[in-house]
Every structure is written in C-alpha cells, then in structure tokens.
Amino acid sequence: QASKNISGNTAGGWVNTGVTIRKGQKFSVNATGSVILASLSNGKYTPDGPEGTAANLYNYEGAYPQYGMVVYKIGEAGTATPAGSKFTGTAKQGGILYISIYETVYNASNTGTYNVTIKAF
C-alpha cells in the first residue's frame, strides 16, 4: 500500500516477503496496480514508474529506480534495485527478499496499491 510501504518511510518502508533467496537462485517479481504519490504532485505511478503528466516531470533512464517503481532488495542491508512490473533475475547474494515502492520523500497521504507476486525457482 502506498500509504504505508514506501522505501523513504521513516519506519523502514520495506515489506518483508518471507521469501528467502539463495545466492545464485533465480527469482521473479511481477506487479500490477497504480498509486498516487502525494509528495510528487499527486502524480500517478505504475510498477514501472511515472505515468501521464508525472512521466513528463520525473521520467528518466538509468540503473537507478524511477519514482513510484516497485523495487526489491535482498537482505536488510541490500540495495534498492528496480523490479518494475516484470522482473526475472539471479540473486547476487542470499537473504530475505524485501519489496517497496520507490519514493525519496514519504507522504502518508499517498494512495493506491500494487499487487506483487514473488516466485523463487
């Protein structure tokens, strides 16, 4: 939920999926839904990042996550890594998989939900 689980949230903002990933194991993250991020001019976002007018303001290319994007990390000290709406990869380290919505300034007035499916294989 955008109003609770944001990576910039002072309470941590990461959702513990309860899924343990081993180093070298393949896993996937698939997400659907949309959120409105109050701190980013009430722009609409999808698991892949900005949509509509928000895309004109905040869309950029690169290895860093885009605002509103679904991100993951492996282990509590892991790095926020872009997952978007459809990601499949191989774990570079082992640990519990955490997910969140990327936003740098958390606002409790955010609304919306992403539904995320995690698979380890």
C-alpha atoms as a PDB file:
ATOM      1  CA  GLN A   1       0.000   0.000   0.000  1.00  0.00           C
ATOM      2  CA  ALA A   2       1.352   3.384  -0.993  1.00  0.00           C
ATOM      3  CA  SER A   3       0.221   4.942   2.276  1.00  0.00           C
ATOM      4  CA  LYS A   4       2.317   2.501   4.351  1.00  0.00           C
ATOM      5  CA  ASN A   5       5.163   0.819   2.488  1.00  0.00           C
ATOM      6  CA  ILE A   6       7.478   3.308   0.825  1.00  0.00           C
ATOM      7  CA  SER A   7      11.260   2.972   0.836  1.00  0.00           C
ATOM      8  CA  GLY A   8      11.662   6.549   2.151  1.00  0.00           C
ATOM      9  CA  ASN A   9       9.271   5.847   5.049  1.00  0.00           C
ATOM     10  CA  THR A  10      10.959   6.618   8.391  1.00  0.00           C
ATOM     11  CA  ALA A  11       9.616   3.301   9.738  1.00  0.00           C
ATOM     12  CA  GLY A  12      11.669   1.485   7.096  1.00  0.00           C
ATOM     13  CA  GLY A  13       9.013   1.121   4.434  1.00  0.00           C
ATOM     14  CA  TRP A  14      10.144  -2.292   3.230  1.00  0.00           C
ATOM     15  CA  VAL A  15       7.769  -5.262   3.108  1.00  0.00           C
ATOM     16  CA  ASN A  16       9.363  -8.496   4.316  1.00  0.00           C
ATOM     17  CA  THR A  17       8.053 -11.039   1.797  1.00  0.00           C
ATOM     18  CA  GLY A  18       9.093 -14.003   3.942  1.00  0.00           C
ATOM     19  CA  VAL A  19      10.801 -15.463   0.859  1.00  0.00           C
ATOM     20  CA  THR A  20      14.428 -16.480   1.398  1.00  0.00           C
ATOM     21  CA  ILE A  21      16.577 -16.331  -1.727  1.00  0.00           C
ATOM     22  CA  ARG A  22      19.893 -18.176  -2.015  1.00  0.00           C
ATOM     23  CA  LYS A  23      22.878 -16.661  -3.820  1.00  0.00           C
ATOM     24  CA  GLY A  24      22.693 -17.807  -7.455  1.00  0.00           C
ATOM     25  CA  GLN A  25      18.977 -18.673  -7.249  1.00  0.00           C
ATOM     26  CA  LYS A  26      16.593 -17.378  -9.925  1.00  0.00           C
ATOM     27  CA  PHE A  27      13.540 -15.417  -8.824  1.00  0.00           C
ATOM     28  CA  SER A  28      10.841 -13.238 -10.324  1.00  0.00           C
ATOM     29  CA  VAL A  29       8.853 -10.211  -9.212  1.00  0.00           C
ATOM     30  CA  ASN A  30       5.614  -9.363 -11.057  1.00  0.00           C
ATOM     31  CA  ALA A  31       3.466  -6.363 -10.094  1.00  0.00           C
ATOM     32  CA  THR A  32       0.196  -4.735 -11.145  1.00  0.00           C
ATOM     33  CA  GLY A  33      -1.785  -1.736  -9.914  1.00  0.00           C
ATOM     34  CA  SER A  34      -1.321   2.003  -9.583  1.00  0.00           C
ATOM     35  CA  VAL A  35      -0.559   4.542  -6.884  1.00  0.00           C
ATOM     36  CA  ILE A  36      -0.869   8.307  -6.432  1.00  0.00           C
ATOM     37  CA  LEU A  37       2.189   9.813  -4.713  1.00  0.00           C
ATOM     38  CA  ALA A  38       1.149  12.943  -2.807  1.00  0.00           C
ATOM     39  CA  SER A  39       4.720  14.167  -2.346  1.00  0.00           C
ATOM     40  CA  LEU A  40       5.263  14.115  -6.095  1.00  0.00           C
ATOM     41  CA  SER A  41       2.444  16.499  -7.090  1.00  0.00           C
ATOM     42  CA  ASN A  42      -0.183  13.744  -6.752  1.00  0.00           C
ATOM     43  CA  GLY A  43       1.208  12.094  -9.867  1.00  0.00           C
ATOM     44  CA  LYS A  44       0.008   8.646 -10.955  1.00  0.00           C
ATOM     45  CA  TYR A  45       2.530   5.814 -10.973  1.00  0.00           C
ATOM     46  CA  THR A  46       2.622   2.194 -12.074  1.00  0.00           C
ATOM     47  CA  PRO A  47       5.061  -0.545 -11.011  1.00  0.00           C
ATOM     48  CA  ASP A  48       7.284   0.640 -13.892  1.00  0.00           C
ATOM     49  CA  GLY A  49       7.364   4.270 -12.731  1.00  0.00           C
ATOM     50  CA  PRO A  50       5.693   7.568 -13.698  1.00  0.00           C
ATOM     51  CA  GLU A  51       2.554   7.634 -15.852  1.00  0.00           C
ATOM     52  CA  GLY A  52       0.796  10.529 -17.614  1.00  0.00           C
ATOM     53  CA  THR A  53       1.912  14.015 -16.586  1.00  0.00           C
ATOM     54  CA  ALA A  54       4.195  12.570 -13.904  1.00  0.00           C
ATOM     55  CA  ALA A  55       6.202  10.902 -16.694  1.00  0.00           C
ATOM     56  CA  ASN A  56       6.974  14.327 -18.153  1.00  0.00           C
ATOM     57  CA  LEU A  57       8.245  15.593 -14.798  1.00  0.00           C
ATOM     58  CA  TYR A  58      10.108  12.623 -13.338  1.00  0.00           C
ATOM     59  CA  ASN A  59      10.827  10.063 -16.061  1.00  0.00           C
ATOM     60  CA  TYR A  60      14.484   9.244 -16.617  1.00  0.00           C
ATOM     61  CA  GLU A  61      16.586   6.350 -17.838  1.00  0.00           C
ATOM     62  CA  GLY A  62      19.296   4.574 -15.922  1.00  0.00           C
ATOM     63  CA  ALA A  63      20.128   1.910 -13.397  1.00  0.00           C
ATOM     64  CA  TYR A  64      18.501   3.817 -10.541  1.00  0.00           C
ATOM     65  CA  PRO A  65      14.821   3.220  -9.730  1.00  0.00           C
ATOM     66  CA  GLN A  66      12.258   5.691 -11.027  1.00  0.00           C
ATOM     67  CA  TYR A  67       9.785   7.262  -8.614  1.00  0.00           C
ATOM     68  CA  GLY A  68       6.788   5.020  -7.982  1.00  0.00           C
ATOM     69  CA  MET A  69       8.582   1.927  -9.258  1.00  0.00           C
ATOM     70  CA  VAL A  70       8.446  -1.421  -7.473  1.00  0.00           C
ATOM     71  CA  VAL A  71      11.901  -2.119  -6.054  1.00  0.00           C
ATOM     72  CA  TYR A  72      13.422  -5.052  -4.211  1.00  0.00           C
ATOM     73  CA  LYS A  73      16.397  -5.756  -2.025  1.00  0.00           C
ATOM     74  CA  ILE A  74      17.858  -8.991  -0.710  1.00  0.00           C
ATOM     75  CA  GLY A  75      18.704  -8.845   2.980  1.00  0.00           C
ATOM     76  CA  GLU A  76      18.136  -5.913   5.318  1.00  0.00           C
ATOM     77  CA  ALA A  77      21.309  -4.169   4.126  1.00  0.00           C
ATOM     78  CA  GLY A  78      20.618  -4.818   0.419  1.00  0.00           C
ATOM     79  CA  THR A  79      20.428  -2.075  -2.199  1.00  0.00           C
ATOM     80  CA  ALA A  80      17.115  -0.895  -3.684  1.00  0.00           C
ATOM     81  CA  THR A  81      17.045  -2.445  -7.155  1.00  0.00           C
ATOM     82  CA  PRO A  82      14.441  -1.792  -9.875  1.00  0.00           C
ATOM     83  CA  ALA A  83      11.937  -4.618 -10.433  1.00  0.00           C
ATOM     84  CA  GLY A  84       9.082  -2.826 -12.202  1.00  0.00           C
ATOM     85  CA  SER A  85       6.063  -4.775 -13.399  1.00  0.00           C
ATOM     86  CA  LYS A  86       8.016  -7.811 -14.592  1.00  0.00           C
ATOM     87  CA  PHE A  87      11.466  -8.829 -13.425  1.00  0.00           C
ATOM     88  CA  THR A  88      13.329 -12.128 -13.539  1.00  0.00           C
ATOM     89  CA  GLY A  89      16.908 -12.406 -12.368  1.00  0.00           C
ATOM     90  CA  THR A  90      19.553 -14.308 -10.448  1.00  0.00           C
ATOM     91  CA  ALA A  91      20.375 -13.357  -6.867  1.00  0.00           C
ATOM     92  CA  LYS A  92      23.856 -11.914  -6.359  1.00  0.00           C
ATOM     93  CA  GLN A  93      23.568 -12.536  -2.621  1.00  0.00           C
ATOM     94  CA  GLY A  94      21.381 -14.550  -0.290  1.00  0.00           C
ATOM     95  CA  GLY A  95      18.804 -13.412   2.237  1.00  0.00           C
ATOM     96  CA  ILE A  96      15.181 -12.465   2.713  1.00  0.00           C
ATOM     97  CA  LEU A  97      13.579 -10.659  -0.240  1.00  0.00           C
ATOM     98  CA  TYR A  98      12.077  -7.258   0.597  1.00  0.00           C
ATOM     99  CA  ILE A  99       9.938  -5.116  -1.717  1.00  0.00           C
ATOM    100  CA  SER A 100       8.826  -1.493  -1.672  1.00  0.00           C
ATOM    101  CA  ILE A 101       7.673   1.454  -3.777  1.00  0.00           C
ATOM    102  CA  TYR A 102      10.497   3.856  -4.619  1.00  0.00           C
ATOM    103  CA  GLU A 103       9.956   7.367  -3.338  1.00  0.00           C
ATOM    104  CA  THR A 104      12.521   9.655  -1.765  1.00  0.00           C
ATOM    105  CA  VAL A 105      10.179  11.719   0.438  1.00  0.00           C
ATOM    106  CA  TYR A 106       7.450   9.587   2.046  1.00  0.00           C
ATOM    107  CA  ASN A 107       3.969  11.097   2.422  1.00  0.00           C
ATOM    108  CA  ALA A 108       1.220   9.317   4.394  1.00  0.00           C
ATOM    109  CA  SER A 109      -1.347  10.855   2.003  1.00  0.00           C
ATOM    110  CA  ASN A 110      -0.225   8.524  -0.795  1.00  0.00           C
ATOM    111  CA  THR A 111      -2.998   6.277  -2.114  1.00  0.00           C
ATOM    112  CA  GLY A 112      -3.277   3.120  -4.199  1.00  0.00           C
ATOM    113  CA  THR A 113      -1.903  -0.389  -4.132  1.00  0.00           C
ATOM    114  CA  TYR A 114       0.437  -2.630  -6.057  1.00  0.00           C
ATOM    115  CA  ASN A 115      -0.234  -6.362  -6.053  1.00  0.00           C
ATOM    116  CA  VAL A 116       3.067  -8.224  -6.229  1.00  0.00           C
ATOM    117  CA  THR A 117       3.760 -11.891  -6.927  1.00  0.00           C
ATOM    118  CA  ILE A 118       7.164 -13.330  -5.956  1.00  0.00           C
ATOM    119  CA  LYS A 119       8.480 -16.652  -7.259  1.00  0.00           C
ATOM    120  CA  ALA A 120      11.764 -18.340  -6.433  1.00  0.00           C
ATOM    121  CA  PHE A 121      12.879 -21.249  -8.608  1.00  0.00           C
END
